Amino acid sequence: MTSRAGQVAVRCPNLLASLVDVRRPKPDACSSTTRVARPITRISPRRRARRCAISTAVDFTCIERGDCGFKQFNAGWAAHTLAHESFHLRGFQDEGVTECYALQNTAFVAERLGVPTQPAKELQAWLFKRGYPNEPTEYQSPQCYDGGPLDLRPQQTLFP
């Protein structure tokens, strides 16, 4: 991720690029008629299938079943990394603070990348439970807990 004179450029690593087509029109990229910056454009069934496959490349229902593997963790951590780096771009320098804030916004990023709302929330909680305790100490903060000083939504009981 680079920043220059108020502009941000994001370079996606191969894993993230294979999971998400950032050029994918919203909201319904899987329909046969898709709105882009131009008038309505028709896309071929083969191209539509590729777009739909990209948006569903990782199945996070494994969180509910408790049988997720490295592929799901890696994909989730990629979304989390985008959240983390966005806080650096906002001016946060302390890695522990940045990580705590990012872990509370991973669901938001995952949703923007095409993960449905509930699985995105479950992904965020799963990454906090599985990933955060295993991070280097400079990426952890003793103030990162439900109701703590770094809780971005202290009025809610669900953390992160």
Protein backbone atom coordinates (compact mmCIF):
# COMPACT_ATOMS: atom_id res chain seq x y z
CA MET A 1 0.00 0.00 0.00
CA THR A 2 1.46 3.35 -0.96
CA SER A 3 0.36 6.90 -0.33
CA ARG A 4 1.32 9.95 -2.33
CA ALA A 5 -0.05 13.49 -1.98
CA GLY A 6 -3.36 12.36 -0.52
CA GLN A 7 -3.80 9.52 -3.01
CA VAL A 8 -3.71 5.90 -2.01
CA ALA A 9 -2.77 3.00 -4.21
CA VAL A 10 -3.39 -0.55 -3.05
CA ARG A 11 -1.47 -3.41 -4.57
CA CYS A 12 -3.18 -6.70 -3.79
CA PRO A 13 -1.01 -9.77 -3.25
CA ASN A 14 -1.84 -12.80 -5.38
CA LEU A 15 -4.07 -14.40 -2.72
CA LEU A 16 -6.26 -11.33 -2.32
CA ALA A 17 -6.34 -10.67 -6.06
CA SER A 18 -7.53 -14.22 -6.65
CA LEU A 19 -10.31 -13.84 -4.09
CA VAL A 20 -11.67 -10.47 -5.06
CA ASP A 21 -12.17 -8.77 -8.40
CA VAL A 22 -11.99 -5.14 -7.29
CA ARG A 23 -13.27 -4.07 -10.69
CA ARG A 24 -16.45 -6.10 -10.17
CA PRO A 25 -19.48 -3.84 -10.61
CA LYS A 26 -21.89 -3.69 -7.68
CA PRO A 27 -24.46 -4.49 -6.48
CA ASP A 28 -25.34 -7.48 -8.67
CA ALA A 29 -22.27 -8.63 -10.57
CA CYS A 30 -23.71 -12.10 -11.02
CA SER A 31 -26.69 -10.98 -13.09
CA SER A 32 -26.57 -11.09 -16.87
CA THR A 33 -27.08 -7.34 -17.03
CA THR A 34 -24.65 -5.24 -15.07
CA ARG A 35 -24.40 -1.48 -14.69
CA VAL A 36 -20.97 -0.03 -15.08
CA ALA A 37 -19.77 3.53 -15.66
CA ARG A 38 -21.34 3.24 -19.14
CA PRO A 39 -24.88 2.29 -20.10
CA ILE A 40 -26.08 -1.24 -19.33
CA THR A 41 -23.55 -3.79 -20.54
CA ARG A 42 -24.25 -7.45 -21.20
CA ILE A 43 -21.59 -9.93 -20.15
CA SER A 44 -21.18 -13.46 -21.39
CA PRO A 45 -22.32 -16.37 -19.19
CA ARG A 46 -18.70 -17.59 -18.99
CA ARG A 47 -17.44 -14.21 -17.79
CA ARG A 48 -20.37 -13.91 -15.34
CA ALA A 49 -19.53 -17.36 -13.93
CA ARG A 50 -15.91 -16.28 -13.39
CA ARG A 51 -17.03 -13.14 -11.55
CA CYS A 52 -19.43 -15.11 -9.36
CA ALA A 53 -16.75 -17.72 -8.62
CA ILE A 54 -14.39 -14.97 -7.47
CA SER A 55 -16.93 -13.51 -5.06
CA THR A 56 -17.56 -16.93 -3.52
CA ALA A 57 -13.98 -18.25 -3.65
CA VAL A 58 -13.74 -18.77 0.11
CA ASP A 59 -16.49 -20.41 2.15
CA PHE A 60 -16.52 -19.03 5.68
CA THR A 61 -19.36 -21.28 6.87
CA CYS A 62 -16.57 -23.41 8.28
CA ILE A 63 -16.40 -20.97 11.22
CA GLU A 64 -19.83 -22.12 12.34
CA ARG A 65 -18.82 -25.79 11.96
CA GLY A 66 -15.42 -25.25 13.59
CA ASP A 67 -13.45 -26.82 10.76
CA CYS A 68 -11.76 -23.88 9.01
CA GLY A 69 -8.32 -24.33 7.59
CA PHE A 70 -5.42 -22.24 6.44
CA LYS A 71 -7.19 -21.08 3.26
CA GLN A 72 -10.00 -19.45 5.25
CA PHE A 73 -7.65 -18.00 7.84
CA ASN A 74 -5.36 -16.61 5.17
CA ALA A 75 -8.26 -15.05 3.23
CA GLY A 76 -9.72 -13.56 6.40
CA TRP A 77 -6.34 -12.25 7.47
CA ALA A 78 -5.97 -10.56 4.07
CA ALA A 79 -9.18 -8.60 4.72
CA HIS A 80 -7.94 -7.84 8.23
CA THR A 81 -4.63 -6.59 6.83
CA LEU A 82 -6.49 -4.09 4.65
CA ALA A 83 -8.30 -2.84 7.74
CA HIS A 84 -5.01 -2.63 9.66
CA GLU A 85 -3.20 -0.68 6.94
CA SER A 86 -6.15 1.70 6.56
CA PHE A 87 -5.67 2.76 10.19
CA HIS A 88 -2.02 3.49 9.47
CA LEU A 89 -3.18 5.67 6.58
CA ARG A 90 -5.40 7.52 9.05
CA GLY A 91 -2.29 8.38 11.06
CA PHE A 92 -2.19 5.69 13.74
CA GLN A 93 1.41 4.60 14.27
CA ASP A 94 1.31 2.39 17.36
CA GLU A 95 0.95 -1.20 16.12
CA GLY A 96 -0.99 -2.38 19.19
CA VAL A 97 -3.59 0.38 18.86
CA THR A 98 -3.76 -0.04 15.08
CA GLU A 99 -4.23 -3.80 15.40
CA CYS A 100 -6.98 -3.45 17.98
CA TYR A 101 -8.88 -0.96 15.82
CA ALA A 102 -8.39 -3.11 12.71
CA LEU A 103 -9.69 -6.23 14.45
CA GLN A 104 -12.85 -4.29 15.23
CA ASN A 105 -13.27 -3.32 11.55
CA THR A 106 -12.39 -6.54 9.76
CA ALA A 107 -16.08 -7.40 9.22
CA PHE A 108 -16.62 -4.03 7.53
CA VAL A 109 -13.76 -4.69 5.10
CA ALA A 110 -14.81 -8.30 4.50
CA GLU A 111 -18.31 -7.15 3.61
CA ARG A 112 -16.91 -4.65 1.11
CA LEU A 113 -14.97 -7.54 -0.43
CA GLY A 114 -18.14 -9.56 -0.91
CA VAL A 115 -18.55 -11.59 2.29
CA PRO A 116 -22.19 -11.49 3.52
CA THR A 117 -22.83 -9.58 6.77
CA GLN A 118 -23.25 -12.45 9.27
CA PRO A 119 -20.27 -14.51 8.03
CA ALA A 120 -18.20 -11.30 8.03
CA LYS A 121 -19.05 -10.71 11.70
CA GLU A 122 -18.22 -14.34 12.52
CA LEU A 123 -14.95 -14.00 10.61
CA GLN A 124 -14.00 -10.93 12.64
CA ALA A 125 -14.67 -12.71 15.94
CA TRP A 126 -12.82 -15.83 14.75
CA LEU A 127 -9.73 -13.85 13.70
CA PHE A 128 -9.71 -12.04 17.03
CA LYS A 129 -9.94 -15.34 18.90
CA ARG A 130 -7.45 -17.29 16.75
CA GLY A 131 -5.10 -14.66 15.37
CA TYR A 132 -4.72 -11.91 17.93
CA PRO A 133 -3.28 -14.02 20.79
CA ASN A 134 -0.61 -15.36 18.41
CA GLU A 135 0.62 -12.01 17.18
CA PRO A 136 3.93 -10.46 18.23
CA THR A 137 3.68 -8.41 21.42
CA GLU A 138 4.10 -5.09 19.57
CA TYR A 139 0.81 -5.87 17.79
CA GLN A 140 -1.06 -6.46 21.03
CA SER A 141 -2.37 -3.99 23.58
CA PRO A 142 -3.52 -4.63 27.14
CA GLN A 143 -6.20 -1.99 26.46
CA CYS A 144 -7.81 -4.05 23.67
CA TYR A 145 -10.83 -5.69 25.28
CA ASP A 146 -14.61 -5.33 25.55
CA GLY A 147 -15.34 -1.96 27.17
CA GLY A 148 -11.64 -1.08 27.26
CA PRO A 149 -10.05 2.21 26.21
CA LEU A 150 -9.58 0.96 22.62
CA ASP A 151 -13.12 -0.40 22.22
CA LEU A 152 -14.52 1.59 19.29
CA ARG A 153 -18.09 0.64 20.15
CA PRO A 154 -18.26 0.55 23.97
CA GLN A 155 -22.07 0.81 23.91
CA GLN A 156 -22.23 -2.61 22.23
CA THR A 157 -21.62 -5.82 24.15
CA LEU A 158 -20.14 -7.67 21.19
CA PHE A 159 -16.36 -7.34 20.91
CA PRO A 160 -14.39 -7.05 18.75
